[in-house]
Amino acid sequence: MEAASLATLRELTAIVTAKGYGRDMLYRDREAHYVFLRYWKSEEARQAALEDPDMQRCWARLGNEIQIVRVYETLTEIPLDGPK
């Protein structure tokens, strides 16, 4: 189902971009595991996307196409430049 899931991820990304929710990135490791990241424009954009029927439809389909190992709703950035 790799081709179908990649098509669904492309559809999700197109919705996110078209509606200005943020931006998506997809990575694959050497064992062919995928890591999908979404950078939200704002907390309001994230909330709107959660309620968006187009987004909900894609996530429901994707849930039947792939095994989702873990979902992190939010992450905290750790600055690498540190105190000066």
PDB file of N, CA and C in Angstrom:
ATOM      1  N   MET A   1       0.823  -1.205   0.000  1.00  0.00           N
ATOM      2  CA  MET A   1       0.000   0.000   0.000  1.00  0.00           C
ATOM      3  C   MET A   1       0.861   1.261   0.000  1.00  0.00           C
ATOM      4  N   GLU A   2       2.143   1.087  -0.311  1.00  0.00           N
ATOM      5  CA  GLU A   2       3.036   2.240  -0.277  1.00  0.00           C
ATOM      6  C   GLU A   2       2.600   3.334  -1.251  1.00  0.00           C
ATOM      7  N   ALA A   3       2.254   2.962  -2.475  1.00  0.00           N
ATOM      8  CA  ALA A   3       1.851   3.969  -3.466  1.00  0.00           C
ATOM      9  C   ALA A   3       0.578   4.696  -3.022  1.00  0.00           C
ATOM     10  N   ALA A   4      -0.378   3.956  -2.487  1.00  0.00           N
ATOM     11  CA  ALA A   4      -1.628   4.572  -2.029  1.00  0.00           C
ATOM     12  C   ALA A   4      -1.373   5.505  -0.858  1.00  0.00           C
ATOM     13  N   SER A   5      -0.539   5.085   0.085  1.00  0.00           N
ATOM     14  CA  SER A   5      -0.279   5.934   1.253  1.00  0.00           C
ATOM     15  C   SER A   5       0.494   7.186   0.860  1.00  0.00           C
ATOM     16  N   LEU A   6       1.423   7.063  -0.079  1.00  0.00           N
ATOM     17  CA  LEU A   6       2.149   8.257  -0.538  1.00  0.00           C
ATOM     18  C   LEU A   6       1.201   9.221  -1.264  1.00  0.00           C
ATOM     19  N   ALA A   7       0.254   8.681  -2.010  1.00  0.00           N
ATOM     20  CA  ALA A   7      -0.738   9.542  -2.674  1.00  0.00           C
ATOM     21  C   ALA A   7      -1.593  10.268  -1.633  1.00  0.00           C
ATOM     22  N   THR A   8      -1.973   9.574  -0.568  1.00  0.00           N
ATOM     23  CA  THR A   8      -2.764  10.203   0.492  1.00  0.00           C
ATOM     24  C   THR A   8      -1.952  11.277   1.202  1.00  0.00           C
ATOM     25  N   LEU A   9      -0.675  11.006   1.468  1.00  0.00           N
ATOM     26  CA  LEU A   9       0.178  12.015   2.096  1.00  0.00           C
ATOM     27  C   LEU A   9       0.332  13.239   1.191  1.00  0.00           C
ATOM     28  N   ARG A  10       0.437  13.013  -0.110  1.00  0.00           N
ATOM     29  CA  ARG A  10       0.515  14.152  -1.046  1.00  0.00           C
ATOM     30  C   ARG A  10      -0.780  14.968  -1.009  1.00  0.00           C
ATOM     31  N   GLU A  11      -1.911  14.272  -0.905  1.00  0.00           N
ATOM     32  CA  GLU A  11      -3.191  14.978  -0.815  1.00  0.00           C
ATOM     33  C   GLU A  11      -3.273  15.792   0.474  1.00  0.00           C
ATOM     34  N   LEU A  12      -2.846  15.202   1.595  1.00  0.00           N
ATOM     35  CA  LEU A  12      -2.816  15.931   2.866  1.00  0.00           C
ATOM     36  C   LEU A  12      -1.944  17.176   2.764  1.00  0.00           C
ATOM     37  N   THR A  13      -0.779  17.007   2.185  1.00  0.00           N
ATOM     38  CA  THR A  13       0.155  18.122   2.043  1.00  0.00           C
ATOM     39  C   THR A  13      -0.435  19.224   1.158  1.00  0.00           C
ATOM     40  N   ALA A  14      -1.124  18.838   0.112  1.00  0.00           N
ATOM     41  CA  ALA A  14      -1.752  19.825  -0.768  1.00  0.00           C
ATOM     42  C   ALA A  14      -2.824  20.610  -0.015  1.00  0.00           C
ATOM     43  N   ILE A  15      -3.586  19.933   0.837  1.00  0.00           N
ATOM     44  CA  ILE A  15      -4.613  20.620   1.627  1.00  0.00           C
ATOM     45  C   ILE A  15      -3.964  21.589   2.608  1.00  0.00           C
ATOM     46  N   VAL A  16      -2.932  21.118   3.298  1.00  0.00           N
ATOM     47  CA  VAL A  16      -2.224  21.958   4.282  1.00  0.00           C
ATOM     48  C   VAL A  16      -1.666  23.210   3.608  1.00  0.00           C
ATOM     49  N   THR A  17      -1.074  23.036   2.452  1.00  0.00           N
ATOM     50  CA  THR A  17      -0.492  24.160   1.719  1.00  0.00           C
ATOM     51  C   THR A  17      -1.577  25.107   1.201  1.00  0.00           C
ATOM     52  N   ALA A  18      -2.597  24.547   0.563  1.00  0.00           N
ATOM     53  CA  ALA A  18      -3.648  25.374  -0.039  1.00  0.00           C
ATOM     54  C   ALA A  18      -4.415  26.190   0.993  1.00  0.00           C
ATOM     55  N   LYS A  19      -4.611  25.612   2.177  1.00  0.00           N
ATOM     56  CA  LYS A  19      -5.385  26.301   3.211  1.00  0.00           C
ATOM     57  C   LYS A  19      -4.500  27.084   4.180  1.00  0.00           C
ATOM     58  N   GLY A  20      -3.200  27.073   3.937  1.00  0.00           N
ATOM     59  CA  GLY A  20      -2.282  27.874   4.737  1.00  0.00           C
ATOM     60  C   GLY A  20      -2.102  27.387   6.167  1.00  0.00           C
ATOM     61  N   TYR A  21      -2.294  26.088   6.410  1.00  0.00           N
ATOM     62  CA  TYR A  21      -2.152  25.557   7.762  1.00  0.00           C
ATOM     63  C   TYR A  21      -0.693  25.444   8.207  1.00  0.00           C
ATOM     64  N   GLY A  22       0.197  25.245   7.257  1.00  0.00           N
ATOM     65  CA  GLY A  22       1.605  25.051   7.598  1.00  0.00           C
ATOM     66  C   GLY A  22       2.332  24.410   6.433  1.00  0.00           C
ATOM     67  N   ARG A  23       3.307  23.555   6.764  1.00  0.00           N
ATOM     68  CA  ARG A  23       4.042  22.839   5.714  1.00  0.00           C
ATOM     69  C   ARG A  23       4.405  21.453   6.221  1.00  0.00           C
ATOM     70  N   ASP A  24       4.534  20.526   5.279  1.00  0.00           N
ATOM     71  CA  ASP A  24       4.826  19.132   5.599  1.00  0.00           C
ATOM     72  C   ASP A  24       6.169  18.715   5.014  1.00  0.00           C
ATOM     73  N   MET A  25       6.775  17.739   5.679  1.00  0.00           N
ATOM     74  CA  MET A  25       8.014  17.141   5.186  1.00  0.00           C
ATOM     75  C   MET A  25       7.936  15.641   5.429  1.00  0.00           C
ATOM     76  N   LEU A  26       8.447  14.860   4.488  1.00  0.00           N
ATOM     77  CA  LEU A  26       8.448  13.408   4.605  1.00  0.00           C
ATOM     78  C   LEU A  26       9.872  12.902   4.441  1.00  0.00           C
ATOM     79  N   TYR A  27      10.285  12.037   5.370  1.00  0.00           N
ATOM     80  CA  TYR A  27      11.616  11.447   5.341  1.00  0.00           C
ATOM     81  C   TYR A  27      11.484   9.922   5.352  1.00  0.00           C
ATOM     82  N   ARG A  28      12.517   9.239   4.870  1.00  0.00           N
ATOM     83  CA  ARG A  28      12.567   7.785   4.947  1.00  0.00           C
ATOM     84  C   ARG A  28      13.951   7.377   5.417  1.00  0.00           C
ATOM     85  N   ASP A  29      13.993   6.416   6.347  1.00  0.00           N
ATOM     86  CA  ASP A  29      15.283   5.939   6.833  1.00  0.00           C
ATOM     87  C   ASP A  29      15.774   4.771   5.976  1.00  0.00           C
ATOM     88  N   ARG A  30      16.893   4.205   6.332  1.00  0.00           N
ATOM     89  CA  ARG A  30      17.501   3.129   5.548  1.00  0.00           C
ATOM     90  C   ARG A  30      16.692   1.838   5.558  1.00  0.00           C
ATOM     91  N   GLU A  31      15.848   1.652   6.572  1.00  0.00           N
ATOM     92  CA  GLU A  31      15.005   0.456   6.641  1.00  0.00           C
ATOM     93  C   GLU A  31      13.631   0.690   6.004  1.00  0.00           C
ATOM     94  N   ALA A  32      13.466   1.795   5.310  1.00  0.00           N
ATOM     95  CA  ALA A  32      12.225   2.156   4.618  1.00  0.00           C
ATOM     96  C   ALA A  32      11.099   2.546   5.559  1.00  0.00           C
ATOM     97  N   HIS A  33      11.427   3.023   6.772  1.00  0.00           N
ATOM     98  CA  HIS A  33      10.429   3.610   7.661  1.00  0.00           C
ATOM     99  C   HIS A  33      10.272   5.073   7.275  1.00  0.00           C
ATOM    100  N   TYR A  34       9.043   5.534   7.281  1.00  0.00           N
ATOM    101  CA  TYR A  34       8.776   6.930   6.951  1.00  0.00           C
ATOM    102  C   TYR A  34       8.559   7.748   8.221  1.00  0.00           C
ATOM    103  N   VAL A  35       9.005   8.993   8.182  1.00  0.00           N
ATOM    104  CA  VAL A  35       8.769   9.956   9.257  1.00  0.00           C
ATOM    105  C   VAL A  35       8.140  11.182   8.593  1.00  0.00           C
ATOM    106  N   PHE A  36       6.943  11.510   9.044  1.00  0.00           N
ATOM    107  CA  PHE A  36       6.178  12.615   8.466  1.00  0.00           C
ATOM    108  C   PHE A  36       6.115  13.736   9.491  1.00  0.00           C
ATOM    109  N   LEU A  37       6.589  14.916   9.114  1.00  0.00           N
ATOM    110  CA  LEU A  37       6.584  16.071  10.014  1.00  0.00           C
ATOM    111  C   LEU A  37       5.694  17.167   9.458  1.00  0.00           C
ATOM    112  N   ARG A  38       4.982  17.813  10.351  1.00  0.00           N
ATOM    113  CA  ARG A  38       4.170  18.956   9.947  1.00  0.00           C
ATOM    114  C   ARG A  38       4.544  20.141  10.834  1.00  0.00           C
ATOM    115  N   TYR A  39       4.860  21.249  10.202  1.00  0.00           N
ATOM    116  CA  TYR A  39       5.131  22.501  10.898  1.00  0.00           C
ATOM    117  C   TYR A  39       3.888  23.366  10.759  1.00  0.00           C
ATOM    118  N   TRP A  40       3.176  23.586  11.857  1.00  0.00           N
ATOM    119  CA  TRP A  40       1.957  24.382  11.838  1.00  0.00           C
ATOM    120  C   TRP A  40       2.289  25.866  11.762  1.00  0.00           C
ATOM    121  N   LYS A  41       1.481  26.605  11.039  1.00  0.00           N
ATOM    122  CA  LYS A  41       1.634  28.056  10.947  1.00  0.00           C
ATOM    123  C   LYS A  41       1.364  28.694  12.306  1.00  0.00           C
ATOM    124  N   SER A  42       0.390  28.138  13.037  1.00  0.00           N
ATOM    125  CA  SER A  42       0.020  28.660  14.352  1.00  0.00           C
ATOM    126  C   SER A  42      -0.836  27.611  15.056  1.00  0.00           C
ATOM    127  N   GLU A  43      -1.087  27.835  16.322  1.00  0.00           N
ATOM    128  CA  GLU A  43      -1.984  26.946  17.063  1.00  0.00           C
ATOM    129  C   GLU A  43      -3.400  27.031  16.489  1.00  0.00           C
ATOM    130  N   GLU A  44      -3.805  28.211  16.034  1.00  0.00           N
ATOM    131  CA  GLU A  44      -5.125  28.374  15.429  1.00  0.00           C
ATOM    132  C   GLU A  44      -5.233  27.567  14.135  1.00  0.00           C
ATOM    133  N   ALA A  45      -4.158  27.560  13.348  1.00  0.00           N
ATOM    134  CA  ALA A  45      -4.143  26.778  12.110  1.00  0.00           C
ATOM    135  C   ALA A  45      -4.238  25.284  12.421  1.00  0.00           C
ATOM    136  N   ARG A  46      -3.545  24.841  13.446  1.00  0.00           N
ATOM    137  CA  ARG A  46      -3.601  23.432  13.849  1.00  0.00           C
ATOM    138  C   ARG A  46      -5.022  23.048  14.242  1.00  0.00           C
ATOM    139  N   GLN A  47      -5.670  23.893  15.022  1.00  0.00           N
ATOM    140  CA  GLN A  47      -7.038  23.621  15.461  1.00  0.00           C
ATOM    141  C   GLN A  47      -8.000  23.589  14.270  1.00  0.00           C
ATOM    142  N   ALA A  48      -7.847  24.533  13.360  1.00  0.00           N
ATOM    143  CA  ALA A  48      -8.707  24.556  12.168  1.00  0.00           C
ATOM    144  C   ALA A  48      -8.516  23.290  11.340  1.00  0.00           C
ATOM    145  N   ALA A  49      -7.269  22.842  11.205  1.00  0.00           N
ATOM    146  CA  ALA A  49      -6.989  21.626  10.437  1.00  0.00           C
ATOM    147  C   ALA A  49      -7.603  20.396  11.097  1.00  0.00           C
ATOM    148  N   LEU A  50      -7.577  20.346  12.417  1.00  0.00           N
ATOM    149  CA  LEU A  50      -8.171  19.211  13.131  1.00  0.00           C
ATOM    150  C   LEU A  50      -9.673  19.102  12.865  1.00  0.00           C
ATOM    151  N   GLU A  51     -10.309  20.228  12.611  1.00  0.00           N
ATOM    152  CA  GLU A  51     -11.749  20.260  12.373  1.00  0.00           C
ATOM    153  C   GLU A  51     -12.112  20.230  10.889  1.00  0.00           C
ATOM    154  N   ASP A  52     -11.116  20.264  10.024  1.00  0.00           N
ATOM    155  CA  ASP A  52     -11.332  20.321   8.581  1.00  0.00           C
ATOM    156  C   ASP A  52     -11.773  18.945   8.056  1.00  0.00           C
ATOM    157  N   PRO A  53     -12.953  18.851   7.427  1.00  0.00           N
ATOM    158  CA  PRO A  53     -13.432  17.559   6.935  1.00  0.00           C
ATOM    159  C   PRO A  53     -12.539  16.942   5.863  1.00  0.00           C
ATOM    160  N   ASP A  54     -11.877  17.766   5.038  1.00  0.00           N
ATOM    161  CA  ASP A  54     -10.953  17.231   4.033  1.00  0.00           C
ATOM    162  C   ASP A  54      -9.766  16.547   4.708  1.00  0.00           C
ATOM    163  N   MET A  55      -9.249  17.178   5.751  1.00  0.00           N
ATOM    164  CA  MET A  55      -8.133  16.597   6.501  1.00  0.00           C
ATOM    165  C   MET A  55      -8.575  15.316   7.210  1.00  0.00           C
ATOM    166  N   GLN A  56      -9.732  15.351   7.834  1.00  0.00           N
ATOM    167  CA  GLN A  56     -10.232  14.174   8.551  1.00  0.00           C
ATOM    168  C   GLN A  56     -10.411  12.990   7.610  1.00  0.00           C
ATOM    169  N   ARG A  57     -10.927  13.243   6.424  1.00  0.00           N
ATOM    170  CA  ARG A  57     -11.122  12.193   5.427  1.00  0.00           C
ATOM    171  C   ARG A  57      -9.780  11.550   5.037  1.00  0.00           C
ATOM    172  N   CYS A  58      -8.773  12.378   4.804  1.00  0.00           N
ATOM    173  CA  CYS A  58      -7.457  11.850   4.426  1.00  0.00           C
ATOM    174  C   CYS A  58      -6.831  11.046   5.556  1.00  0.00           C
ATOM    175  N   TRP A  59      -6.909  11.552   6.791  1.00  0.00           N
ATOM    176  CA  TRP A  59      -6.332  10.821   7.929  1.00  0.00           C
ATOM    177  C   TRP A  59      -7.036   9.497   8.141  1.00  0.00           C
ATOM    178  N   ALA A  60      -8.346   9.458   7.946  1.00  0.00           N
ATOM    179  CA  ALA A  60      -9.083   8.198   8.089  1.00  0.00           C
ATOM    180  C   ALA A  60      -8.608   7.187   7.040  1.00  0.00           C
ATOM    181  N   ARG A  61      -8.440   7.639   5.806  1.00  0.00           N
ATOM    182  CA  ARG A  61      -7.955   6.759   4.749  1.00  0.00           C
ATOM    183  C   ARG A  61      -6.537   6.296   5.042  1.00  0.00           C
ATOM    184  N   LEU A  62      -5.686   7.228   5.470  1.00  0.00           N
ATOM    185  CA  LEU A  62      -4.299   6.885   5.753  1.00  0.00           C
ATOM    186  C   LEU A  62      -4.200   5.843   6.871  1.00  0.00           C
ATOM    187  N   GLY A  63      -5.083   5.917   7.842  1.00  0.00           N
ATOM    188  CA  GLY A  63      -5.092   4.949   8.929  1.00  0.00           C
ATOM    189  C   GLY A  63      -5.333   3.526   8.461  1.00  0.00           C
ATOM    190  N   ASN A  64      -5.949   3.362   7.293  1.00  0.00           N
ATOM    191  CA  ASN A  64      -6.153   2.041   6.700  1.00  0.00           C
ATOM    192  C   ASN A  64      -5.031   1.649   5.747  1.00  0.00           C
ATOM    193  N   GLU A  65      -4.156   2.579   5.432  1.00  0.00           N
ATOM    194  CA  GLU A  65      -3.087   2.326   4.460  1.00  0.00           C
ATOM    195  C   GLU A  65      -1.737   2.059   5.100  1.00  0.00           C
ATOM    196  N   ILE A  66      -1.516   2.599   6.299  1.00  0.00           N
ATOM    197  CA  ILE A  66      -0.207   2.461   6.942  1.00  0.00           C
ATOM    198  C   ILE A  66      -0.377   2.077   8.407  1.00  0.00           C
ATOM    199  N   GLN A  67       0.725   1.666   8.991  1.00  0.00           N
ATOM    200  CA  GLN A  67       0.766   1.452  10.434  1.00  0.00           C
ATOM    201  C   GLN A  67       1.391   2.702  11.047  1.00  0.00           C
ATOM    202  N   ILE A  68       0.621   3.404  11.843  1.00  0.00           N
ATOM    203  CA  ILE A  68       1.118   4.607  12.507  1.00  0.00           C
ATOM    204  C   ILE A  68       1.706   4.173  13.834  1.00  0.00           C
ATOM    205  N   VAL A  69       3.003   4.362  13.997  1.00  0.00           N
ATOM    206  CA  VAL A  69       3.699   3.901  15.191  1.00  0.00           C
ATOM    207  C   VAL A  69       3.511   4.878  16.344  1.00  0.00           C
ATOM    208  N   ARG A  70       3.639   6.142  16.065  1.00  0.00           N
ATOM    209  CA  ARG A  70       3.532   7.139  17.126  1.00  0.00           C
ATOM    210  C   ARG A  70       3.153   8.480  16.518  1.00  0.00           C
ATOM    211  N   VAL A  71       2.330   9.220  17.257  1.00  0.00           N
ATOM    212  CA  VAL A  71       1.956  10.581  16.864  1.00  0.00           C
ATOM    213  C   VAL A  71       2.334  11.505  18.008  1.00  0.00           C
ATOM    214  N   TYR A  72       3.118  12.506  17.697  1.00  0.00           N
ATOM    215  CA  TYR A  72       3.444  13.559  18.655  1.00  0.00           C
ATOM    216  C   TYR A  72       2.647  14.784  18.237  1.00  0.00           C
ATOM    217  N   GLU A  73       1.757  15.235  19.092  1.00  0.00           N
ATOM    218  CA  GLU A  73       0.953  16.402  18.766  1.00  0.00           C
ATOM    219  C   GLU A  73       1.781  17.676  18.785  1.00  0.00           C
ATOM    220  N   THR A  74       2.675  17.792  19.754  1.00  0.00           N
ATOM    221  CA  THR A  74       3.536  18.970  19.831  1.00  0.00           C
ATOM    222  C   THR A  74       4.929  18.547  20.283  1.00  0.00           C
ATOM    223  N   LEU A  75       5.891  19.276  19.845  1.00  0.00           N
ATOM    224  CA  LEU A  75       7.286  19.101  20.271  1.00  0.00           C
ATOM    225  C   LEU A  75       7.811  20.470  20.678  1.00  0.00           C
ATOM    226  N   THR A  76       8.753  20.472  21.574  1.00  0.00           N
ATOM    227  CA  THR A  76       9.357  21.721  22.021  1.00  0.00           C
ATOM    228  C   THR A  76      10.741  21.846  21.402  1.00  0.00           C
ATOM    229  N   GLU A  77      10.975  22.947  20.727  1.00  0.00           N
ATOM    230  CA  GLU A  77      12.273  23.180  20.104  1.00  0.00           C
ATOM    231  C   GLU A  77      13.320  23.467  21.165  1.00  0.00           C
ATOM    232  N   ILE A  78      14.482  22.879  21.013  1.00  0.00           N
ATOM    233  CA  ILE A  78      15.613  23.118  21.891  1.00  0.00           C
ATOM    234  C   ILE A  78      16.642  23.921  21.102  1.00  0.00           C
ATOM    235  N   PRO A  79      16.846  25.186  21.449  1.00  0.00           N
ATOM    236  CA  PRO A  79      17.825  26.003  20.704  1.00  0.00           C
ATOM    237  C   PRO A  79      19.235  25.417  20.841  1.00  0.00           C
ATOM    238  N   LEU A  80      19.922  25.345  19.748  1.00  0.00           N
ATOM    239  CA  LEU A  80      21.276  24.789  19.754  1.00  0.00           C
ATOM    240  C   LEU A  80      22.348  25.843  19.943  1.00  0.00           C
ATOM    241  N   ASP A  81      21.985  27.117  19.835  1.00  0.00           N
ATOM    242  CA  ASP A  81      22.998  28.152  19.981  1.00  0.00           C
ATOM    243  C   ASP A  81      23.332  28.397  21.449  1.00  0.00           C
ATOM    244  N   GLY A  82      22.453  28.033  22.368  1.00  0.00           N
ATOM    245  CA  GLY A  82      22.731  28.110  23.805  1.00  0.00           C
ATOM    246  C   GLY A  82      23.009  29.517  24.304  1.00  0.00           C
ATOM    247  N   PRO A  83      23.208  29.627  25.616  1.00  0.00           N
ATOM    248  CA  PRO A  83      23.534  30.932  26.189  1.00  0.00           C
ATOM    249  C   PRO A  83      24.916  31.384  25.750  1.00  0.00           C
ATOM    250  N   LYS A  84      25.052  32.680  25.645  1.00  0.00           N
ATOM    251  CA  LYS A  84      26.358  33.238  25.212  1.00  0.00           C
ATOM    252  C   LYS A  84      27.047  33.936  26.337  1.00  0.00           C
TER     253      LYS A  84
END
